[in-house]
Amino acid sequence: MEYRLFLVILLLLTIINSTSATVKPHSNITLNSFVMATAFSSRRLSWLSSSGDFAFGFLPLPTNSSLFLLAIWYANLPKTTIIWTPNRNKPVPSNSSVILTSDGQLSLRHPAGTEI
Protein backbone atom coordinates (compact mmCIF):
# COMPACT_ATOMS: atom_id res chain seq x y z
CA MET A 1 0.00 0.00 0.00
CA GLU A 2 2.76 2.46 0.93
CA TYR A 3 4.61 1.69 -2.30
CA ARG A 4 1.52 2.49 -4.37
CA LEU A 5 1.04 5.78 -2.53
CA PHE A 6 4.70 6.55 -3.07
CA LEU A 7 4.38 5.91 -6.82
CA VAL A 8 1.32 8.16 -7.05
CA ILE A 9 3.08 10.98 -5.18
CA LEU A 10 6.19 10.62 -7.31
CA LEU A 11 4.14 10.59 -10.50
CA LEU A 12 2.32 13.76 -9.46
CA LEU A 13 5.56 15.51 -8.59
CA THR A 14 7.03 14.42 -11.91
CA ILE A 15 4.08 15.73 -13.88
CA ILE A 16 3.81 18.99 -11.96
CA ASN A 17 7.50 19.76 -11.68
CA SER A 18 9.11 18.01 -14.68
CA THR A 19 11.53 16.22 -12.38
CA SER A 20 15.07 15.98 -13.66
CA ALA A 21 17.94 13.60 -13.01
CA THR A 22 20.45 16.14 -14.29
CA VAL A 23 18.81 19.31 -12.93
CA LYS A 24 18.14 20.66 -16.43
CA PRO A 25 14.86 22.59 -16.68
CA HIS A 26 11.99 20.66 -18.24
CA SER A 27 13.78 17.36 -18.73
CA ASN A 28 12.56 14.07 -17.34
CA ILE A 29 14.27 11.29 -15.47
CA THR A 30 15.47 8.80 -18.04
CA LEU A 31 14.69 5.11 -17.78
CA ASN A 32 17.39 3.06 -16.02
CA SER A 33 18.52 6.14 -14.05
CA PHE A 34 19.30 5.66 -10.40
CA VAL A 35 20.25 7.46 -7.21
CA MET A 36 22.45 5.86 -4.60
CA ALA A 37 22.58 6.15 -0.82
CA THR A 38 26.15 7.09 -0.07
CA ALA A 39 27.96 9.43 2.26
CA PHE A 40 30.29 10.51 -0.55
CA SER A 41 29.17 13.74 -2.21
CA SER A 42 30.59 12.68 -5.60
CA ARG A 43 27.66 10.25 -6.01
CA ARG A 44 24.12 11.39 -6.73
CA LEU A 45 21.88 11.17 -3.63
CA SER A 46 18.71 12.68 -5.12
CA TRP A 47 16.74 13.81 -8.15
CA LEU A 48 15.79 17.49 -8.01
CA SER A 49 12.60 18.89 -9.52
CA SER A 50 13.12 21.44 -12.29
CA SER A 51 11.69 24.14 -10.03
CA GLY A 52 14.22 23.19 -7.39
CA ASP A 53 11.45 23.02 -4.79
CA PHE A 54 11.44 19.25 -4.25
CA ALA A 55 14.00 16.48 -4.06
CA PHE A 56 13.55 12.71 -4.15
CA GLY A 57 16.26 10.38 -3.01
CA PHE A 58 18.20 9.36 0.05
CA LEU A 59 18.79 11.26 3.28
CA PRO A 60 21.29 10.00 5.86
CA LEU A 61 19.98 9.47 9.37
CA PRO A 62 21.27 12.17 11.73
CA THR A 63 22.18 9.47 14.26
CA ASN A 64 23.89 7.07 11.83
CA SER A 65 25.35 8.32 8.55
CA SER A 66 25.58 4.78 7.15
CA LEU A 67 21.76 4.37 7.19
CA PHE A 68 19.43 6.27 4.84
CA LEU A 69 15.77 7.12 4.35
CA LEU A 70 14.27 7.14 0.88
CA ALA A 71 12.22 10.34 0.89
CA ILE A 72 10.68 13.34 -0.81
CA TRP A 73 11.58 16.65 0.84
CA TYR A 74 11.51 20.41 0.32
CA ALA A 75 14.85 21.17 -1.28
CA ASN A 76 15.07 24.92 -0.63
CA LEU A 77 14.38 25.11 3.08
CA PRO A 78 17.33 25.69 5.43
CA LYS A 79 16.26 22.70 7.54
CA THR A 80 15.51 19.50 5.63
CA THR A 81 11.75 18.97 5.84
CA ILE A 82 10.64 15.51 4.75
CA ILE A 83 7.28 15.38 2.98
CA TRP A 84 7.09 11.60 2.64
CA THR A 85 9.12 8.46 3.28
CA PRO A 86 8.13 4.80 2.96
CA ASN A 87 10.83 3.49 5.27
CA ARG A 88 11.01 5.74 8.33
CA ASN A 89 11.30 2.70 10.62
CA LYS A 90 13.44 0.62 8.25
CA PRO A 91 16.31 2.74 6.89
CA VAL A 92 18.47 1.22 4.16
CA PRO A 93 22.25 0.74 4.32
CA SER A 94 24.81 2.79 2.45
CA ASN A 95 25.09 1.92 -1.26
CA SER A 96 21.41 1.01 -1.55
CA SER A 97 19.82 2.50 -4.66
CA VAL A 98 16.50 3.37 -6.24
CA ILE A 99 16.26 2.72 -9.96
CA LEU A 100 13.72 3.88 -12.53
CA THR A 101 13.58 0.62 -14.47
CA SER A 102 13.26 0.27 -18.24
CA ASP A 103 9.53 -0.43 -17.81
CA GLY A 104 8.99 2.73 -15.72
CA GLN A 105 8.83 1.12 -12.27
CA LEU A 106 10.76 2.33 -9.24
CA SER A 107 12.85 -0.34 -7.57
CA LEU A 108 14.52 0.08 -4.19
CA ARG A 109 17.60 -2.16 -4.08
CA HIS A 110 19.89 -3.40 -1.34
CA PRO A 111 23.65 -2.99 -2.05
CA ALA A 112 23.75 -6.72 -2.93
CA GLY A 113 21.27 -5.98 -5.75
CA THR A 114 18.18 -7.62 -4.26
CA GLU A 115 14.94 -5.66 -4.31
CA ILE A 116 13.81 -4.38 -0.92
Foldseek 3Di string as FASTA:
>chain_A
DQQVVVVVVVVVLCVVQVWDQVLDGNHHDDAFDKAFLAPDPVGHAWIAGNVRQKIFGWDADPVGSQWTWGFIFGRPDPDTDTPDTPPPPPTAGGGWMWGLHPVRHIFTAHNVGDTD
